[in-house]
């Protein structure tokens, strides 16, 4: 039910649940937005990597979760900010700092999906998609 209306919330929930259950990976349907969010998470070191596989014309993404040496998930929290029912837009000055810089915010800007720091540097605001720490 929920995944159909808000694919990004579905992605975040699967990552959150996968981390809590200590899974090696989680699978989810492919979309450009999800791929761009995952690219940001990978670049910032929150996930190990991801693969896009196609089967019978259906693309899925396999996300390999990342853990510390003592099997603690790298992602301790992940929160959807902008929802389909209530979009949340921020200017480049209003991009939140997450856990004093330990976490990241992910935005969808006119220059593409990027983390809060990159968006601040590019002086580009946009839709605040989620916070990760």
Protein backbone atom coordinates (compact mmCIF):
# COMPACT_ATOMS: atom_id res chain seq x y z
CA UNK A 1 0.00 0.00 0.00
CA UNK A 2 2.56 2.61 1.14
CA UNK A 3 5.24 1.79 -1.40
CA UNK A 4 2.97 2.66 -4.31
CA UNK A 5 2.34 6.22 -3.09
CA UNK A 6 5.80 6.96 -1.77
CA UNK A 7 8.57 4.86 -3.31
CA UNK A 8 11.29 6.79 -1.46
CA UNK A 9 9.69 6.08 1.95
CA UNK A 10 9.61 2.42 0.91
CA UNK A 11 13.34 2.55 0.07
CA UNK A 12 14.21 4.15 3.42
CA UNK A 13 12.03 1.68 5.35
CA UNK A 14 13.65 -1.29 3.63
CA UNK A 15 17.13 0.04 4.42
CA UNK A 16 16.12 0.75 8.05
CA UNK A 17 14.55 -2.71 8.49
CA UNK A 18 17.43 -4.44 6.71
CA UNK A 19 19.95 -2.76 9.04
CA UNK A 20 17.96 -3.66 12.15
CA UNK A 21 17.69 -7.29 11.01
CA UNK A 22 21.44 -7.25 10.11
CA UNK A 23 20.78 -8.35 6.51
CA UNK A 24 23.66 -8.27 4.04
CA UNK A 25 21.46 -6.69 1.38
CA UNK A 26 17.91 -5.60 0.54
CA UNK A 27 16.18 -5.53 -2.84
CA UNK A 28 13.84 -2.83 -4.10
CA UNK A 29 12.26 -1.77 -7.39
CA UNK A 30 14.41 0.55 -9.52
CA UNK A 31 13.78 4.23 -10.16
CA UNK A 32 16.09 7.10 -11.12
CA UNK A 33 15.33 8.93 -7.86
CA UNK A 34 16.16 5.87 -5.72
CA UNK A 35 19.34 5.29 -7.70
CA UNK A 36 20.43 8.91 -7.15
CA UNK A 37 19.67 8.75 -3.41
CA UNK A 38 21.66 5.49 -3.19
CA UNK A 39 24.56 7.06 -5.10
CA UNK A 40 24.66 9.82 -2.44
CA UNK A 41 24.49 7.27 0.41
CA UNK A 42 27.32 5.26 -1.15
CA UNK A 43 29.51 8.34 -1.73
CA UNK A 44 29.03 9.37 1.90
CA UNK A 45 29.86 5.87 3.17
CA UNK A 46 26.42 4.90 4.53
CA UNK A 47 26.00 1.82 2.30
CA UNK A 48 28.62 -0.58 0.91
CA UNK A 49 27.35 -0.55 -2.68
CA UNK A 50 24.38 -1.31 -4.89
CA UNK A 51 23.73 -3.21 -8.10
CA UNK A 52 21.02 -2.72 -10.68
CA UNK A 53 19.74 -5.93 -12.21
CA UNK A 54 17.17 -6.46 -14.86
CA UNK A 55 14.99 -9.54 -15.14
CA UNK A 56 12.13 -9.99 -17.61
CA UNK A 57 12.02 -6.25 -18.21
CA UNK A 58 11.80 -5.39 -14.51
CA UNK A 59 14.71 -3.50 -12.94
CA UNK A 60 15.54 -3.99 -9.28
CA UNK A 61 18.27 -2.52 -7.12
CA UNK A 62 20.15 -4.67 -4.63
CA UNK A 63 21.52 -2.51 -1.83
CA UNK A 64 24.43 -3.93 0.16
CA UNK A 65 24.21 -2.59 3.69
CA UNK A 66 27.29 -1.47 5.59
CA UNK A 67 28.25 -2.48 9.11
CA UNK A 68 31.08 -1.60 11.49
CA UNK A 69 33.71 -4.19 12.49
CA UNK A 70 31.51 -5.36 15.38
CA UNK A 71 28.44 -5.77 13.12
CA UNK A 72 26.71 -2.54 14.14
CA UNK A 73 24.83 -0.89 11.24
CA UNK A 74 26.53 2.23 9.88
CA UNK A 75 23.07 3.80 9.44
CA UNK A 76 21.63 4.34 12.92
CA UNK A 77 18.73 6.48 11.77
CA UNK A 78 17.00 7.38 8.53
CA UNK A 79 14.02 9.70 8.32
CA UNK A 80 11.77 10.83 5.47
CA UNK A 81 11.30 14.60 5.56
CA UNK A 82 9.28 15.62 2.51
CA UNK A 83 6.17 13.49 2.01
CA UNK A 84 3.81 13.33 -0.99
CA UNK A 85 1.08 14.80 1.24
CA UNK A 86 3.36 17.51 2.61
CA UNK A 87 6.33 18.50 0.51
CA UNK A 88 9.15 20.20 2.37
CA UNK A 89 11.34 22.65 0.48
CA UNK A 90 14.36 24.45 1.89
CA UNK A 91 16.58 27.23 0.63
CA UNK A 92 20.34 26.67 0.58
CA UNK A 93 20.58 28.64 3.85
CA UNK A 94 17.99 26.43 5.60
CA UNK A 95 19.48 23.00 4.86
CA UNK A 96 19.63 21.25 8.25
CA UNK A 97 22.86 20.01 9.76
CA UNK A 98 22.29 16.41 10.90
CA UNK A 99 23.79 15.31 14.21
CA UNK A 100 26.37 18.09 14.17
CA UNK A 101 27.64 17.05 10.75
CA UNK A 102 27.84 13.31 11.50
CA UNK A 103 24.73 12.66 9.44
CA UNK A 104 23.62 13.96 6.05
CA UNK A 105 20.52 15.47 4.55
CA UNK A 106 19.61 14.46 0.99
CA UNK A 107 17.92 16.98 -1.27
CA UNK A 108 16.44 16.92 -4.72
CA UNK A 109 17.61 20.16 -6.33
CA UNK A 110 17.43 21.62 -9.82
CA UNK A 111 21.02 20.35 -10.18
CA UNK A 112 20.02 16.80 -9.24
CA UNK A 113 19.97 14.77 -6.03
CA UNK A 114 22.76 15.76 -3.65
CA UNK A 115 23.69 15.83 0.00
CA UNK A 116 23.11 18.94 2.10
CA UNK A 117 26.76 19.99 2.13
CA UNK A 118 27.05 19.85 -1.67
CA UNK A 119 23.74 21.70 -2.04
CA UNK A 120 24.93 24.41 0.39
CA UNK A 121 28.16 24.79 -1.59
CA UNK A 122 26.22 24.95 -4.85
CA UNK A 123 23.90 27.53 -3.20
CA UNK A 124 21.06 25.33 -4.35
CA UNK A 125 17.95 24.65 -2.26
CA UNK A 126 15.29 22.13 -3.11
CA UNK A 127 13.07 19.41 -1.76
CA UNK A 128 14.43 17.98 1.50
CA UNK A 129 14.02 14.24 0.85
CA UNK A 130 15.48 12.64 3.95
CA UNK A 131 17.96 12.75 6.82
CA UNK A 132 20.46 9.93 7.48
CA UNK A 133 22.70 9.46 10.50
